[in-house]
Structure formats: structure tokens, C-alpha cells
């Protein structure tokens, strides 16, 4: 009984690890990232820095996709 529980726990841990690796690979292969992330800011920091724009326009500006820098 303990062996079955141990095997099930190990399989679950392996599956979680593989899902984690898949998400890392998907992120690495994605060609774009949000503008805020490209300059090292959070979305809120980027929006706060956009003085001349309304809140919704600033959020859209900071979320716009830009190519990743390698």
C-alpha cells in the first residue's frame, strides 16, 4: 500500500515537473512580450509612468507586444 502511494506521488511530481518545463519552453519560444516587461517594469509601474495618457490608454500601451530582446 505504501509502495503504491509512493509511486503515485512520484508520478504526480514528475507530471508537474514536465508541465513546468513545458511552460518554460513555451515562454522562451514566444516571440513577443508586453512592453512593460521589456523595460523591466510591472504593469502598474509602467502605467504610472505614462503621464500624458488616460488610464485605459496607458494600460493598452504598456500591454502592447514588442519583440523579445535576446
N, C-alpha and C. Protein backbone atom coordinates (compact mmCIF):
# COMPACT_ATOMS: atom_id res chain seq x y z
N UNK A 1 0.83 -1.19 0.00
CA UNK A 1 0.00 0.00 0.00
C UNK A 1 0.88 1.26 0.00
N UNK A 2 1.93 1.23 0.80
CA UNK A 2 2.83 2.38 0.86
C UNK A 2 3.57 2.55 -0.46
N UNK A 3 3.94 1.43 -1.09
CA UNK A 3 4.63 1.49 -2.38
C UNK A 3 3.75 2.13 -3.45
N UNK A 4 2.46 1.78 -3.48
CA UNK A 4 1.54 2.37 -4.46
C UNK A 4 1.41 3.86 -4.24
N UNK A 5 1.31 4.28 -3.00
CA UNK A 5 1.19 5.70 -2.69
C UNK A 5 2.47 6.44 -3.09
N UNK A 6 3.60 5.82 -2.86
CA UNK A 6 4.87 6.43 -3.22
C UNK A 6 5.00 6.55 -4.73
N UNK A 7 4.63 5.52 -5.46
CA UNK A 7 4.68 5.56 -6.92
C UNK A 7 3.73 6.62 -7.46
N UNK A 8 2.54 6.70 -6.90
CA UNK A 8 1.57 7.72 -7.34
C UNK A 8 2.10 9.12 -7.07
N UNK A 9 2.71 9.33 -5.93
CA UNK A 9 3.27 10.65 -5.60
C UNK A 9 4.42 11.00 -6.54
N UNK A 10 5.26 10.02 -6.85
CA UNK A 10 6.36 10.27 -7.77
C UNK A 10 5.87 10.59 -9.18
N UNK A 11 4.85 9.86 -9.64
CA UNK A 11 4.27 10.14 -10.96
C UNK A 11 3.64 11.53 -11.00
N UNK A 12 2.97 11.91 -9.94
CA UNK A 12 2.37 13.24 -9.87
C UNK A 12 3.44 14.32 -9.88
N UNK A 13 4.51 14.11 -9.14
CA UNK A 13 5.61 15.08 -9.11
C UNK A 13 6.29 15.17 -10.48
N UNK A 14 6.47 14.05 -11.14
CA UNK A 14 7.09 14.05 -12.47
C UNK A 14 6.20 14.78 -13.48
N UNK A 15 4.89 14.55 -13.40
CA UNK A 15 3.96 15.22 -14.31
C UNK A 15 3.97 16.73 -14.08
N UNK A 16 3.99 17.14 -12.82
CA UNK A 16 4.04 18.57 -12.51
C UNK A 16 5.33 19.20 -13.02
N UNK A 17 6.43 18.49 -12.88
CA UNK A 17 7.71 19.00 -13.36
C UNK A 17 7.72 19.13 -14.89
N UNK A 18 7.14 18.15 -15.57
CA UNK A 18 7.07 18.21 -17.03
C UNK A 18 6.18 19.37 -17.50
N UNK A 19 5.10 19.61 -16.80
CA UNK A 19 4.25 20.77 -17.13
C UNK A 19 5.00 22.08 -16.91
N UNK A 20 5.78 22.13 -15.84
CA UNK A 20 6.60 23.31 -15.57
C UNK A 20 7.62 23.53 -16.69
N UNK A 21 8.29 22.48 -17.12
CA UNK A 21 9.25 22.60 -18.21
C UNK A 21 8.57 23.02 -19.51
N UNK A 22 7.38 22.52 -19.77
CA UNK A 22 6.65 22.90 -20.97
C UNK A 22 6.29 24.38 -20.95
N UNK A 23 5.90 24.89 -19.80
CA UNK A 23 5.57 26.31 -19.72
C UNK A 23 6.81 27.18 -19.90
N UNK A 24 7.94 26.73 -19.38
CA UNK A 24 9.18 27.47 -19.59
C UNK A 24 9.56 27.49 -21.06
N UNK A 25 9.41 26.36 -21.74
CA UNK A 25 9.74 26.29 -23.16
C UNK A 25 8.80 27.17 -23.97
N UNK A 26 7.52 27.16 -23.65
CA UNK A 26 6.56 27.99 -24.37
C UNK A 26 6.90 29.46 -24.21
N UNK A 27 7.27 29.87 -23.01
CA UNK A 27 7.64 31.26 -22.75
C UNK A 27 8.92 31.63 -23.50
N UNK A 28 9.88 30.73 -23.52
CA UNK A 28 11.14 31.01 -24.19
C UNK A 28 10.98 31.11 -25.70
N UNK A 29 10.05 30.35 -26.25
CA UNK A 29 9.86 30.35 -27.69
C UNK A 29 8.88 31.42 -28.16
N UNK A 30 8.22 32.08 -27.23
CA UNK A 30 7.28 33.14 -27.60
C UNK A 30 8.06 34.34 -28.15
N UNK A 31 7.68 34.85 -29.33
CA UNK A 31 8.45 35.92 -29.95
C UNK A 31 8.23 37.29 -29.32
N UNK A 32 7.13 37.47 -28.61
CA UNK A 32 6.80 38.79 -28.07
C UNK A 32 6.62 38.75 -26.57
N UNK A 33 6.72 39.94 -25.97
CA UNK A 33 6.44 40.12 -24.55
C UNK A 33 5.80 41.49 -24.38
N UNK A 34 5.09 41.72 -23.29
CA UNK A 34 4.49 43.04 -23.07
C UNK A 34 5.57 44.12 -22.95
N UNK A 35 5.24 45.33 -23.40
CA UNK A 35 6.19 46.43 -23.36
C UNK A 35 6.70 46.67 -21.93
N UNK A 36 5.81 46.62 -20.96
CA UNK A 36 6.21 46.87 -19.57
C UNK A 36 7.30 45.89 -19.14
N UNK A 37 7.14 44.61 -19.48
CA UNK A 37 8.14 43.61 -19.11
C UNK A 37 9.44 43.82 -19.85
N UNK A 38 9.36 44.33 -21.08
CA UNK A 38 10.57 44.51 -21.87
C UNK A 38 11.49 45.59 -21.29
N UNK A 39 10.91 46.52 -20.54
CA UNK A 39 11.74 47.56 -19.92
C UNK A 39 11.93 47.32 -18.42
N UNK A 40 11.50 46.15 -17.95
CA UNK A 40 11.76 45.76 -16.56
C UNK A 40 10.81 46.36 -15.55
N UNK A 41 9.61 46.72 -15.97
CA UNK A 41 8.63 47.29 -15.04
C UNK A 41 7.42 46.37 -14.92
N UNK A 42 6.72 46.52 -13.81
CA UNK A 42 5.42 45.86 -13.71
C UNK A 42 4.42 46.70 -14.49
N UNK A 43 3.25 46.13 -14.73
CA UNK A 43 2.23 46.86 -15.47
C UNK A 43 1.84 48.14 -14.74
N UNK A 44 1.68 48.07 -13.43
CA UNK A 44 1.29 49.26 -12.66
C UNK A 44 2.37 50.34 -12.70
N UNK A 45 3.62 49.95 -12.63
CA UNK A 45 4.71 50.94 -12.70
C UNK A 45 4.73 51.61 -14.07
N UNK A 46 4.52 50.84 -15.12
CA UNK A 46 4.52 51.38 -16.47
C UNK A 46 3.35 52.35 -16.64
N UNK A 47 2.18 51.98 -16.16
CA UNK A 47 1.01 52.84 -16.28
C UNK A 47 1.24 54.14 -15.52
N UNK A 48 1.83 54.07 -14.34
CA UNK A 48 2.08 55.27 -13.55
C UNK A 48 3.06 56.21 -14.25
N UNK A 49 3.94 55.65 -15.07
CA UNK A 49 4.94 56.47 -15.77
C UNK A 49 4.37 57.16 -17.01
N UNK A 50 3.20 56.77 -17.46
CA UNK A 50 2.59 57.35 -18.66
C UNK A 50 1.73 58.54 -18.25
N UNK A 51 2.35 59.68 -18.06
CA UNK A 51 1.65 60.85 -17.53
C UNK A 51 0.62 61.43 -18.50
N UNK A 52 0.91 61.44 -19.77
CA UNK A 52 0.04 62.11 -20.73
C UNK A 52 -1.15 61.28 -21.20
N UNK A 53 -1.27 60.03 -20.76
CA UNK A 53 -2.32 59.15 -21.25
C UNK A 53 -3.36 58.87 -20.16
N UNK A 54 -4.57 58.60 -20.62
CA UNK A 54 -5.61 58.17 -19.69
C UNK A 54 -5.27 56.76 -19.20
N UNK A 55 -5.94 56.35 -18.13
CA UNK A 55 -5.65 55.04 -17.50
C UNK A 55 -5.79 53.89 -18.51
N UNK A 56 -6.89 53.86 -19.26
CA UNK A 56 -7.10 52.75 -20.19
C UNK A 56 -6.10 52.79 -21.34
N UNK A 57 -5.78 53.99 -21.82
CA UNK A 57 -4.79 54.11 -22.90
C UNK A 57 -3.40 53.70 -22.42
N UNK A 58 -3.07 54.08 -21.19
CA UNK A 58 -1.76 53.72 -20.63
C UNK A 58 -1.64 52.21 -20.46
N UNK A 59 -2.72 51.56 -20.00
CA UNK A 59 -2.68 50.11 -19.84
C UNK A 59 -2.52 49.42 -21.19
N UNK A 60 -3.24 49.92 -22.19
CA UNK A 60 -3.11 49.32 -23.53
C UNK A 60 -1.70 49.53 -24.07
N UNK A 61 -1.13 50.70 -23.83
CA UNK A 61 0.23 50.99 -24.30
C UNK A 61 1.24 50.06 -23.63
N UNK A 62 1.10 49.86 -22.34
CA UNK A 62 2.05 49.03 -21.60
C UNK A 62 1.87 47.54 -21.88
N UNK A 63 0.70 47.15 -22.36
CA UNK A 63 0.46 45.74 -22.67
C UNK A 63 0.80 45.38 -24.10
N UNK A 64 1.07 46.37 -24.93
CA UNK A 64 1.30 46.09 -26.35
C UNK A 64 2.52 45.18 -26.50
N UNK A 65 2.42 44.22 -27.41
CA UNK A 65 3.53 43.26 -27.58
C UNK A 65 4.70 43.89 -28.32
N UNK A 66 5.88 43.62 -27.86
CA UNK A 66 7.11 44.03 -28.52
C UNK A 66 8.00 42.80 -28.64
N UNK A 67 8.90 42.75 -29.62
CA UNK A 67 9.79 41.60 -29.77
C UNK A 67 10.71 41.45 -28.54
N UNK A 68 10.95 40.20 -28.16
CA UNK A 68 11.86 39.95 -27.05
C UNK A 68 13.28 40.30 -27.43
N UNK A 69 14.00 40.81 -26.47
CA UNK A 69 15.44 41.03 -26.67
C UNK A 69 16.17 39.78 -26.23
N UNK A 70 17.09 39.34 -27.04
CA UNK A 70 17.84 38.12 -26.70
C UNK A 70 19.12 38.44 -26.00
